[in-house]
Amino acid sequence: MTGLCIHCRMRPSSPARKGCYHHLCWLCYDTAAIRVLYVPPPRQVDFYGGYQQPAAPTTARPGTDEKIAVLTERVAARSSLWHPQDRR
Protein backbone atom coordinates (compact mmCIF):
# COMPACT_ATOMS: atom_id res chain seq x y z
CA MET A 1 0.00 0.00 0.00
CA THR A 2 1.24 3.49 -0.82
CA GLY A 3 0.86 6.64 1.26
CA LEU A 4 -0.57 9.97 0.24
CA CYS A 5 1.09 12.35 -2.17
CA ILE A 6 3.59 14.58 -0.36
CA HIS A 7 2.37 17.63 -2.32
CA CYS A 8 -1.42 17.55 -2.49
CA ARG A 9 -1.99 15.05 0.36
CA MET A 10 -5.24 14.02 -1.33
CA ARG A 11 -4.42 11.23 -3.76
CA PRO A 12 -2.34 8.11 -3.18
CA SER A 13 1.29 8.38 -4.19
CA SER A 14 2.30 6.37 -7.19
CA PRO A 15 4.58 3.33 -7.06
CA ALA A 16 8.32 3.94 -7.17
CA ARG A 17 9.60 4.83 -10.60
CA LYS A 18 12.98 5.51 -12.08
CA GLY A 19 14.19 8.88 -10.80
CA CYS A 20 12.78 8.42 -7.27
CA TYR A 21 9.71 10.67 -7.56
CA HIS A 22 7.79 7.95 -5.74
CA HIS A 23 6.07 10.18 -3.16
CA LEU A 24 4.03 12.14 -5.71
CA CYS A 25 0.68 11.17 -7.20
CA TRP A 26 0.46 10.93 -10.98
CA LEU A 27 -1.28 14.30 -11.33
CA CYS A 28 1.37 16.15 -9.28
CA TYR A 29 4.14 14.26 -11.05
CA ASP A 30 2.78 15.32 -14.45
CA THR A 31 2.88 19.00 -13.40
CA ALA A 32 6.44 20.17 -14.08
CA ALA A 33 6.22 23.11 -11.66
CA ILE A 34 5.38 20.71 -8.82
CA ARG A 35 7.86 18.05 -9.87
CA VAL A 36 10.83 20.47 -9.67
CA LEU A 37 9.99 21.12 -6.00
CA TYR A 38 10.74 17.48 -5.18
CA VAL A 39 13.85 16.75 -7.22
CA PRO A 40 15.50 13.62 -5.83
CA PRO A 41 19.08 13.91 -4.53
CA PRO A 42 21.81 12.59 -6.83
CA ARG A 43 22.75 8.97 -6.27
CA GLN A 44 26.16 8.47 -4.80
CA VAL A 45 27.76 5.16 -5.59
CA ASP A 46 30.33 3.81 -3.17
CA PHE A 47 32.22 0.91 -4.70
CA TYR A 48 34.01 0.14 -1.44
CA GLY A 49 30.91 -0.56 0.63
CA GLY A 50 31.29 2.54 2.79
CA TYR A 51 34.80 1.66 3.87
CA GLN A 52 38.00 3.46 3.01
CA GLN A 53 40.25 1.95 0.40
CA PRO A 54 43.35 0.25 1.87
CA ALA A 55 46.45 2.43 1.95
CA ALA A 56 48.57 0.13 -0.20
CA PRO A 57 48.05 -2.95 -2.38
CA THR A 58 49.49 -6.30 -1.36
CA THR A 59 51.72 -8.58 -3.40
CA ALA A 60 50.61 -11.65 -1.47
CA ARG A 61 49.11 -14.41 -3.62
CA PRO A 62 45.43 -15.22 -3.07
CA GLY A 63 44.79 -18.06 -0.63
CA THR A 64 48.17 -17.86 1.09
CA ASP A 65 48.66 -17.28 4.82
CA GLU A 66 50.27 -13.95 3.98
CA LYS A 67 47.16 -12.79 2.08
CA ILE A 68 44.89 -13.93 4.92
CA ALA A 69 47.03 -11.95 7.37
CA VAL A 70 46.71 -8.84 5.18
CA LEU A 71 42.94 -9.27 5.00
CA THR A 72 42.79 -9.69 8.79
CA GLU A 73 44.72 -6.43 9.23
CA ARG A 74 42.34 -4.66 6.86
CA VAL A 75 39.32 -5.90 8.81
CA ALA A 76 40.88 -4.69 12.06
CA ALA A 77 41.55 -1.29 10.46
CA ARG A 78 37.91 -1.16 9.22
CA SER A 79 38.99 -0.61 5.64
CA SER A 80 37.85 -2.35 2.49
CA LEU A 81 39.18 -5.88 2.05
CA TRP A 82 40.24 -5.36 -1.53
CA HIS A 83 42.55 -2.85 -3.16
CA PRO A 84 42.18 -2.44 -6.96
CA GLN A 85 45.89 -3.19 -7.44
CA ASP A 86 46.10 -6.28 -5.19
CA ARG A 87 47.85 -9.25 -6.73
CA ARG A 88 45.51 -11.64 -8.49
PDB file of N, CA and C in Angstrom:
ATOM      1  N   MET A   1       0.841  -1.180   0.000  1.00  0.00           N
ATOM      2  CA  MET A   1       0.000   0.000   0.000  1.00  0.00           C
ATOM      3  C   MET A   1       0.888   1.246   0.000  1.00  0.00           C
ATOM      4  N   THR A   2       0.476   2.254  -0.747  1.00  0.00           N
ATOM      5  CA  THR A   2       1.236   3.488  -0.825  1.00  0.00           C
ATOM      6  C   THR A   2       0.599   4.537   0.065  1.00  0.00           C
ATOM      7  N   GLY A   3       1.372   5.540   0.457  1.00  0.00           N
ATOM      8  CA  GLY A   3       0.858   6.641   1.263  1.00  0.00           C
ATOM      9  C   GLY A   3       0.262   7.715   0.381  1.00  0.00           C
ATOM     10  N   LEU A   4      -0.018   8.850   0.989  1.00  0.00           N
ATOM     11  CA  LEU A   4      -0.572   9.968   0.243  1.00  0.00           C
ATOM     12  C   LEU A   4       0.543  10.770  -0.417  1.00  0.00           C
ATOM     13  N   CYS A   5       0.172  11.486  -1.447  1.00  0.00           N
ATOM     14  CA  CYS A   5       1.094  12.350  -2.174  1.00  0.00           C
ATOM     15  C   CYS A   5       1.666  13.392  -1.212  1.00  0.00           C
ATOM     16  N   ILE A   6       2.969  13.635  -1.283  1.00  0.00           N
ATOM     17  CA  ILE A   6       3.586  14.584  -0.363  1.00  0.00           C
ATOM     18  C   ILE A   6       3.284  16.034  -0.738  1.00  0.00           C
ATOM     19  N   HIS A   7       2.706  16.264  -1.920  1.00  0.00           N
ATOM     20  CA  HIS A   7       2.373  17.635  -2.320  1.00  0.00           C
ATOM     21  C   HIS A   7       0.906  17.958  -2.034  1.00  0.00           C
ATOM     22  N   CYS A   8       0.002  17.221  -2.628  1.00  0.00           N
ATOM     23  CA  CYS A   8      -1.421  17.549  -2.488  1.00  0.00           C
ATOM     24  C   CYS A   8      -2.064  16.881  -1.264  1.00  0.00           C
ATOM     25  N   ARG A   9      -1.493  15.812  -0.787  1.00  0.00           N
ATOM     26  CA  ARG A   9      -1.994  15.048   0.356  1.00  0.00           C
ATOM     27  C   ARG A   9      -3.462  14.628   0.193  1.00  0.00           C
ATOM     28  N   MET A  10      -3.872  14.434  -1.064  1.00  0.00           N
ATOM     29  CA  MET A  10      -5.241  14.020  -1.327  1.00  0.00           C
ATOM     30  C   MET A  10      -5.297  12.668  -2.019  1.00  0.00           C
ATOM     31  N   ARG A  11      -4.401  12.449  -2.970  1.00  0.00           N
ATOM     32  CA  ARG A  11      -4.416  11.229  -3.763  1.00  0.00           C
ATOM     33  C   ARG A  11      -3.281  10.317  -3.315  1.00  0.00           C
ATOM     34  N   PRO A  12      -3.430   9.022  -3.551  1.00  0.00           N
ATOM     35  CA  PRO A  12      -2.344   8.111  -3.181  1.00  0.00           C
ATOM     36  C   PRO A  12      -1.103   8.363  -4.041  1.00  0.00           C
ATOM     37  N   SER A  13       0.051   8.231  -3.422  1.00  0.00           N
ATOM     38  CA  SER A  13       1.289   8.385  -4.191  1.00  0.00           C
ATOM     39  C   SER A  13       1.458   7.187  -5.102  1.00  0.00           C
ATOM     40  N   SER A  14       2.121   7.423  -6.201  1.00  0.00           N
ATOM     41  CA  SER A  14       2.299   6.365  -7.191  1.00  0.00           C
ATOM     42  C   SER A  14       3.433   5.438  -6.766  1.00  0.00           C
ATOM     43  N   PRO A  15       3.483   4.249  -7.358  1.00  0.00           N
ATOM     44  CA  PRO A  15       4.580   3.329  -7.056  1.00  0.00           C
ATOM     45  C   PRO A  15       5.914   3.938  -7.459  1.00  0.00           C
ATOM     46  N   ALA A  16       6.976   3.434  -6.862  1.00  0.00           N
ATOM     47  CA  ALA A  16       8.316   3.944  -7.168  1.00  0.00           C
ATOM     48  C   ALA A  16       8.595   3.821  -8.657  1.00  0.00           C
ATOM     49  N   ARG A  17       9.230   4.840  -9.192  1.00  0.00           N
ATOM     50  CA  ARG A  17       9.597   4.832 -10.600  1.00  0.00           C
ATOM     51  C   ARG A  17      11.036   5.309 -10.716  1.00  0.00           C
ATOM     52  N   LYS A  18      11.605   5.086 -11.852  1.00  0.00           N
ATOM     53  CA  LYS A  18      12.976   5.510 -12.085  1.00  0.00           C
ATOM     54  C   LYS A  18      13.077   7.020 -11.892  1.00  0.00           C
ATOM     55  N   GLY A  19      14.035   7.465 -11.090  1.00  0.00           N
ATOM     56  CA  GLY A  19      14.185   8.876 -10.802  1.00  0.00           C
ATOM     57  C   GLY A  19      13.746   9.222  -9.393  1.00  0.00           C
ATOM     58  N   CYS A  20      13.127   8.283  -8.694  1.00  0.00           N
ATOM     59  CA  CYS A  20      12.778   8.419  -7.273  1.00  0.00           C
ATOM     60  C   CYS A  20      11.756   9.505  -6.976  1.00  0.00           C
ATOM     61  N   TYR A  21      10.810   9.758  -7.858  1.00  0.00           N
ATOM     62  CA  TYR A  21       9.715  10.670  -7.557  1.00  0.00           C
ATOM     63  C   TYR A  21       8.549   9.863  -6.981  1.00  0.00           C
ATOM     64  N   HIS A  22       8.812   8.907  -6.137  1.00  0.00           N
ATOM     65  CA  HIS A  22       7.794   7.951  -5.740  1.00  0.00           C
ATOM     66  C   HIS A  22       6.866   8.447  -4.638  1.00  0.00           C
ATOM     67  N   HIS A  23       6.990   9.677  -4.181  1.00  0.00           N
ATOM     68  CA  HIS A  23       6.075  10.179  -3.159  1.00  0.00           C
ATOM     69  C   HIS A  23       5.051  11.154  -3.733  1.00  0.00           C
ATOM     70  N   LEU A  24       5.003  11.270  -5.053  1.00  0.00           N
ATOM     71  CA  LEU A  24       4.033  12.137  -5.709  1.00  0.00           C
ATOM     72  C   LEU A  24       2.958  11.300  -6.393  1.00  0.00           C
ATOM     73  N   CYS A  25       1.728  11.838  -6.425  1.00  0.00           N
ATOM     74  CA  CYS A  25       0.678  11.166  -7.201  1.00  0.00           C
ATOM     75  C   CYS A  25       0.940  11.453  -8.678  1.00  0.00           C
ATOM     76  N   TRP A  26       0.226  10.765  -9.545  1.00  0.00           N
ATOM     77  CA  TRP A  26       0.462  10.933 -10.979  1.00  0.00           C
ATOM     78  C   TRP A  26       0.143  12.353 -11.440  1.00  0.00           C
ATOM     79  N   LEU A  27      -0.910  12.958 -10.901  1.00  0.00           N
ATOM     80  CA  LEU A  27      -1.284  14.300 -11.328  1.00  0.00           C
ATOM     81  C   LEU A  27      -0.201  15.311 -10.941  1.00  0.00           C
ATOM     82  N   CYS A  28       0.309  15.233  -9.718  1.00  0.00           N
ATOM     83  CA  CYS A  28       1.374  16.149  -9.285  1.00  0.00           C
ATOM     84  C   CYS A  28       2.666  15.865 -10.033  1.00  0.00           C
ATOM     85  N   TYR A  29       2.932  14.607 -10.308  1.00  0.00           N
ATOM     86  CA  TYR A  29       4.138  14.256 -11.053  1.00  0.00           C
ATOM     87  C   TYR A  29       4.091  14.809 -12.472  1.00  0.00           C
ATOM     88  N   ASP A  30       2.913  14.823 -13.085  1.00  0.00           N
ATOM     89  CA  ASP A  30       2.777  15.317 -14.451  1.00  0.00           C
ATOM     90  C   ASP A  30       2.863  16.838 -14.541  1.00  0.00           C
ATOM     91  N   THR A  31       2.776  17.540 -13.417  1.00  0.00           N
ATOM     92  CA  THR A  31       2.881  18.996 -13.397  1.00  0.00           C
ATOM     93  C   THR A  31       4.340  19.363 -13.137  1.00  0.00           C
ATOM     94  N   ALA A  32       5.002  19.893 -14.169  1.00  0.00           N
ATOM     95  CA  ALA A  32       6.442  20.165 -14.079  1.00  0.00           C
ATOM     96  C   ALA A  32       6.777  21.133 -12.945  1.00  0.00           C
ATOM     97  N   ALA A  33       5.948  22.131 -12.708  1.00  0.00           N
ATOM     98  CA  ALA A  33       6.216  23.111 -11.659  1.00  0.00           C
ATOM     99  C   ALA A  33       6.213  22.464 -10.271  1.00  0.00           C
ATOM    100  N   ILE A  34       5.409  21.433 -10.100  1.00  0.00           N
ATOM    101  CA  ILE A  34       5.384  20.712  -8.821  1.00  0.00           C
ATOM    102  C   ILE A  34       6.558  19.739  -8.746  1.00  0.00           C
ATOM    103  N   ARG A  35       6.808  19.064  -9.846  1.00  0.00           N
ATOM    104  CA  ARG A  35       7.861  18.048  -9.871  1.00  0.00           C
ATOM    105  C   ARG A  35       9.233  18.630  -9.514  1.00  0.00           C
ATOM    106  N   VAL A  36       9.523  19.878  -9.963  1.00  0.00           N
ATOM    107  CA  VAL A  36      10.830  20.467  -9.666  1.00  0.00           C
ATOM    108  C   VAL A  36      10.992  20.789  -8.179  1.00  0.00           C
ATOM    109  N   LEU A  37       9.901  20.876  -7.444  1.00  0.00           N
ATOM    110  CA  LEU A  37       9.987  21.124  -6.000  1.00  0.00           C
ATOM    111  C   LEU A  37      10.496  19.899  -5.243  1.00  0.00           C
ATOM    112  N   TYR A  38      10.384  18.736  -5.854  1.00  0.00           N
ATOM    113  CA  TYR A  38      10.738  17.482  -5.181  1.00  0.00           C
ATOM    114  C   TYR A  38      11.785  16.703  -5.968  1.00  0.00           C
ATOM    115  N   VAL A  39      12.789  17.392  -6.458  1.00  0.00           N
ATOM    116  CA  VAL A  39      13.848  16.753  -7.225  1.00  0.00           C
ATOM    117  C   VAL A  39      14.613  15.813  -6.293  1.00  0.00           C
ATOM    118  N   PRO A  40      14.789  14.552  -6.698  1.00  0.00           N
ATOM    119  CA  PRO A  40      15.505  13.620  -5.834  1.00  0.00           C
ATOM    120  C   PRO A  40      16.990  13.971  -5.751  1.00  0.00           C
ATOM    121  N   PRO A  41      17.644  13.649  -4.636  1.00  0.00           N
ATOM    122  CA  PRO A  41      19.080  13.910  -4.530  1.00  0.00           C
ATOM    123  C   PRO A  41      19.852  13.006  -5.480  1.00  0.00           C
ATOM    124  N   PRO A  42      21.028  13.433  -5.927  1.00  0.00           N
ATOM    125  CA  PRO A  42      21.808  12.586  -6.827  1.00  0.00           C
ATOM    126  C   PRO A  42      22.257  11.321  -6.114  1.00  0.00           C
ATOM    127  N   ARG A  43      22.300  10.236  -6.849  1.00  0.00           N
ATOM    128  CA  ARG A  43      22.746   8.969  -6.266  1.00  0.00           C
ATOM    129  C   ARG A  43      24.248   8.981  -6.152  1.00  0.00           C
ATOM    130  N   GLN A  44      24.728   8.553  -5.015  1.00  0.00           N
ATOM    131  CA  GLN A  44      26.161   8.470  -4.798  1.00  0.00           C
ATOM    132  C   GLN A  44      26.525   6.998  -4.675  1.00  0.00           C
ATOM    133  N   VAL A  45      27.367   6.553  -5.568  1.00  0.00           N
ATOM    134  CA  VAL A  45      27.759   5.156  -5.589  1.00  0.00           C
ATOM    135  C   VAL A  45      29.087   5.002  -4.863  1.00  0.00           C
ATOM    136  N   ASP A  46      29.114   4.080  -3.915  1.00  0.00           N
ATOM    137  CA  ASP A  46      30.333   3.811  -3.168  1.00  0.00           C
ATOM    138  C   ASP A  46      30.749   2.382  -3.482  1.00  0.00           C
ATOM    139  N   PHE A  47      31.794   2.233  -4.277  1.00  0.00           N
ATOM    140  CA  PHE A  47      32.221   0.913  -4.703  1.00  0.00           C
ATOM    141  C   PHE A  47      32.980   0.154  -3.615  1.00  0.00           C
ATOM    142  N   TYR A  48      33.275   0.802  -2.517  1.00  0.00           N
ATOM    143  CA  TYR A  48      34.015   0.141  -1.444  1.00  0.00           C
ATOM    144  C   TYR A  48      33.126  -0.179  -0.255  1.00  0.00           C
ATOM    145  N   GLY A  49      31.820  -0.145  -0.418  1.00  0.00           N
ATOM    146  CA  GLY A  49      30.906  -0.556   0.628  1.00  0.00           C
ATOM    147  C   GLY A  49      30.907   0.359   1.845  1.00  0.00           C
ATOM    148  N   GLY A  50      31.284   1.600   1.684  1.00  0.00           N
ATOM    149  CA  GLY A  50      31.295   2.537   2.786  1.00  0.00           C
ATOM    150  C   GLY A  50      32.600   2.548   3.558  1.00  0.00           C
ATOM    151  N   TYR A  51      33.517   1.713   3.195  1.00  0.00           N
ATOM    152  CA  TYR A  51      34.805   1.657   3.871  1.00  0.00           C
ATOM    153  C   TYR A  51      35.867   2.372   3.041  1.00  0.00           C
ATOM    154  N   GLN A  52      36.904   2.828   3.722  1.00  0.00           N
ATOM    155  CA  GLN A  52      37.998   3.465   3.007  1.00  0.00           C
ATOM    156  C   GLN A  52      38.820   2.419   2.272  1.00  0.00           C
ATOM    157  N   GLN A  53      39.382   2.841   1.167  1.00  0.00           N
ATOM    158  CA  GLN A  53      40.255   1.951   0.403  1.00  0.00           C
ATOM    159  C   GLN A  53      41.539   1.716   1.201  1.00  0.00           C
ATOM    160  N   PRO A  54      42.081   0.500   1.181  1.00  0.00           N
ATOM    161  CA  PRO A  54      43.353   0.245   1.868  1.00  0.00           C
ATOM    162  C   PRO A  54      44.449   1.179   1.377  1.00  0.00           C
ATOM    163  N   ALA A  55      45.392   1.478   2.271  1.00  0.00           N
ATOM    164  CA  ALA A  55      46.453   2.429   1.946  1.00  0.00           C
ATOM    165  C   ALA A  55      47.346   1.942   0.806  1.00  0.00           C
ATOM    166  N   ALA A  56      47.657   0.655   0.808  1.00  0.00           N
ATOM    167  CA  ALA A  56      48.575   0.129  -0.204  1.00  0.00           C
ATOM    168  C   ALA A  56      48.116  -1.250  -0.653  1.00  0.00           C
ATOM    169  N   PRO A  57      48.384  -1.600  -1.908  1.00  0.00           N
ATOM    170  CA  PRO A  57      48.053  -2.951  -2.378  1.00  0.00           C
ATOM    171  C   PRO A  57      49.015  -3.975  -1.783  1.00  0.00           C
ATOM    172  N   THR A  58      48.631  -5.229  -1.849  1.00  0.00           N
ATOM    173  CA  THR A  58      49.489  -6.300  -1.363  1.00  0.00           C
ATOM    174  C   THR A  58      49.985  -7.141  -2.538  1.00  0.00           C
ATOM    175  N   THR A  59      51.170  -7.692  -2.374  1.00  0.00           N
ATOM    176  CA  THR A  59      51.720  -8.579  -3.404  1.00  0.00           C
ATOM    177  C   THR A  59      51.512 -10.040  -3.036  1.00  0.00           C
ATOM    178  N   ALA A  60      50.849 -10.276  -1.916  1.00  0.00           N
ATOM    179  CA  ALA A  60      50.606 -11.653  -1.475  1.00  0.00           C
ATOM    180  C   ALA A  60      49.666 -12.358  -2.441  1.00  0.00           C
ATOM    181  N   ARG A  61      49.949 -13.615  -2.710  1.00  0.00           N
ATOM    182  CA  ARG A  61      49.112 -14.405  -3.616  1.00  0.00           C
ATOM    183  C   ARG A  61      47.816 -14.793  -2.932  1.00  0.00           C
ATOM    184  N   PRO A  62      46.710 -14.832  -3.654  1.00  0.00           N
ATOM    185  CA  PRO A  62      45.429 -15.219  -3.072  1.00  0.00           C
ATOM    186  C   PRO A  62      45.489 -16.626  -2.467  1.00  0.00           C
ATOM    187  N   GLY A  63      44.873 -16.768  -1.294  1.00  0.00           N
ATOM    188  CA  GLY A  63      44.793 -18.063  -0.631  1.00  0.00           C
ATOM    189  C   GLY A  63      45.972 -18.391   0.261  1.00  0.00           C
ATOM    190  N   THR A  64      47.010 -17.578   0.248  1.00  0.00           N
ATOM    191  CA  THR A  64      48.172 -17.856   1.091  1.00  0.00           C
ATOM    192  C   THR A  64      47.947 -17.291   2.492  1.00  0.00           C
ATOM    193  N   ASP A  65      48.754 -17.775   3.445  1.00  0.00           N
ATOM    194  CA  ASP A  65      48.661 -17.277   4.817  1.00  0.00           C
ATOM    195  C   ASP A  65      48.980 -15.785   4.875  1.00  0.00           C
ATOM    196  N   GLU A  66      49.903 -15.361   4.023  1.00  0.00           N
ATOM    197  CA  GLU A  66      50.271 -13.951   3.983  1.00  0.00           C
ATOM    198  C   GLU A  66      49.074 -13.088   3.562  1.00  0.00           C
ATOM    199  N   LYS A  67      48.331 -13.534   2.562  1.00  0.00           N
ATOM    200  CA  LYS A  67      47.159 -12.787   2.084  1.00  0.00           C
ATOM    201  C   LYS A  67      46.078 -12.752   3.159  1.00  0.00           C
ATOM    202  N   ILE A  68      45.882 -13.869   3.845  1.00  0.00           N
ATOM    203  CA  ILE A  68      44.886 -13.927   4.921  1.00  0.00           C
ATOM    204  C   ILE A  68      45.273 -12.978   6.045  1.00  0.00           C
ATOM    205  N   ALA A  69      46.564 -12.877   6.340  1.00  0.00           N
ATOM    206  CA  ALA A  69      47.031 -11.946   7.368  1.00  0.00           C
ATOM    207  C   ALA A  69      46.761 -10.499   6.947  1.00  0.00           C
ATOM    208  N   VAL A  70      46.979 -10.191   5.681  1.00  0.00           N
ATOM    209  CA  VAL A  70      46.709  -8.842   5.176  1.00  0.00           C
ATOM    210  C   VAL A  70      45.226  -8.527   5.287  1.00  0.00           C
ATOM    211  N   LEU A  71      44.381  -9.478   4.916  1.00  0.00           N
ATOM    212  CA  LEU A  71      42.935  -9.267   5.004  1.00  0.00           C
ATOM    213  C   LEU A  71      42.494  -9.085   6.451  1.00  0.00           C
ATOM    214  N   THR A  72      43.101  -9.828   7.365  1.00  0.00           N
ATOM    215  CA  THR A  72      42.787  -9.691   8.786  1.00  0.00           C
ATOM    216  C   THR A  72      43.158  -8.295   9.285  1.00  0.00           C
ATOM    217  N   GLU A  73      44.301  -7.780   8.855  1.00  0.00           N
ATOM    218  CA  GLU A  73      44.716  -6.428   9.229  1.00  0.00           C
ATOM    219  C   GLU A  73      43.742  -5.389   8.674  1.00  0.00           C
ATOM    220  N   ARG A  74      43.269  -5.607   7.461  1.00  0.00           N
ATOM    221  CA  ARG A  74      42.341  -4.657   6.858  1.00  0.00           C
ATOM    222  C   ARG A  74      41.003  -4.652   7.591  1.00  0.00           C
ATOM    223  N   VAL A  75      40.555  -5.826   8.037  1.00  0.00           N
ATOM    224  CA  VAL A  75      39.317  -5.895   8.811  1.00  0.00           C
ATOM    225  C   VAL A  75      39.488  -5.142  10.124  1.00  0.00           C
ATOM    226  N   ALA A  76      40.618  -5.357  10.790  1.00  0.00           N
ATOM    227  CA  ALA A  76      40.876  -4.688  12.062  1.00  0.00           C
ATOM    228  C   ALA A  76      40.949  -3.169  11.887  1.00  0.00           C
ATOM    229  N   ALA A  77      41.443  -2.718  10.741  1.00  0.00           N
ATOM    230  CA  ALA A  77      41.549  -1.288  10.463  1.00  0.00           C
ATOM    231  C   ALA A  77      40.238  -0.710   9.920  1.00  0.00           C
ATOM    232  N   ARG A  78      39.217  -1.548   9.758  1.00  0.00           N
ATOM    233  CA  ARG A  78      37.905  -1.158   9.220  1.00  0.00           C
ATOM    234  C   ARG A  78      38.031  -0.496   7.846  1.00  0.00           C
ATOM    235  N   SER A  79      38.866  -1.076   7.021  1.00  0.00           N
ATOM    236  CA  SER A  79      38.987  -0.614   5.641  1.00  0.00           C
ATOM    237  C   SER A  79      38.436  -1.697   4.719  1.00  0.00           C
ATOM    238  N   SER A  80      38.331  -1.380   3.457  1.00  0.00           N
ATOM    239  CA  SER A  80      37.852  -2.349   2.486  1.00  0.00           C
ATOM    240  C   SER A  80      38.830  -3.526   2.411  1.00  0.00           C
ATOM    241  N   LEU A  81      38.310  -4.702   2.143  1.00  0.00           N
ATOM    242  CA  LEU A  81      39.178  -5.882   2.054  1.00  0.00           C
ATOM    243  C   LEU A  81      40.037  -5.861   0.803  1.00  0.00           C
ATOM    244  N   TRP A  82      39.558  -5.249  -0.242  1.00  0.00           N
ATOM    245  CA  TRP A  82      40.239  -5.363  -1.529  1.00  0.00           C
ATOM    246  C   TRP A  82      40.761  -4.014  -2.006  1.00  0.00           C
ATOM    247  N   HIS A  83      41.944  -4.018  -2.520  1.00  0.00           N
ATOM    248  CA  HIS A  83      42.548  -2.851  -3.165  1.00  0.00           C
ATOM    249  C   HIS A  83      42.545  -3.144  -4.669  1.00  0.00           C
ATOM    250  N   PRO A  84      42.246  -2.164  -5.513  1.00  0.00           N
ATOM    251  CA  PRO A  84      42.183  -2.443  -6.957  1.00  0.00           C
ATOM    252  C   PRO A  84      43.483  -2.992  -7.541  1.00  0.00           C
ATOM    253  N   GLN A  85      44.615  -2.736  -6.898  1.00  0.00           N
ATOM    254  CA  GLN A  85      45.895  -3.193  -7.435  1.00  0.00           C
ATOM    255  C   GLN A  85      46.458  -4.392  -6.672  1.00  0.00           C
ATOM    256  N   ASP A  86      45.634  -5.068  -5.856  1.00  0.00           N
ATOM    257  CA  ASP A  86      46.096  -6.283  -5.188  1.00  0.00           C
ATOM    258  C   ASP A  86      46.490  -7.328  -6.229  1.00  0.00           C
ATOM    259  N   ARG A  87      47.420  -8.171  -5.834  1.00  0.00           N
ATOM    260  CA  ARG A  87      47.850  -9.247  -6.735  1.00  0.00           C
ATOM    261  C   ARG A  87      46.709 -10.223  -6.941  1.00  0.00           C
ATOM    262  N   ARG A  88      46.585 -10.686  -8.169  1.00  0.00           N
ATOM    263  CA  ARG A  88      45.512 -11.639  -8.489  1.00  0.00           C
ATOM    264  C   ARG A  88      46.075 -12.943  -8.955  1.00  0.00           C
TER     265      ARG A  88
END
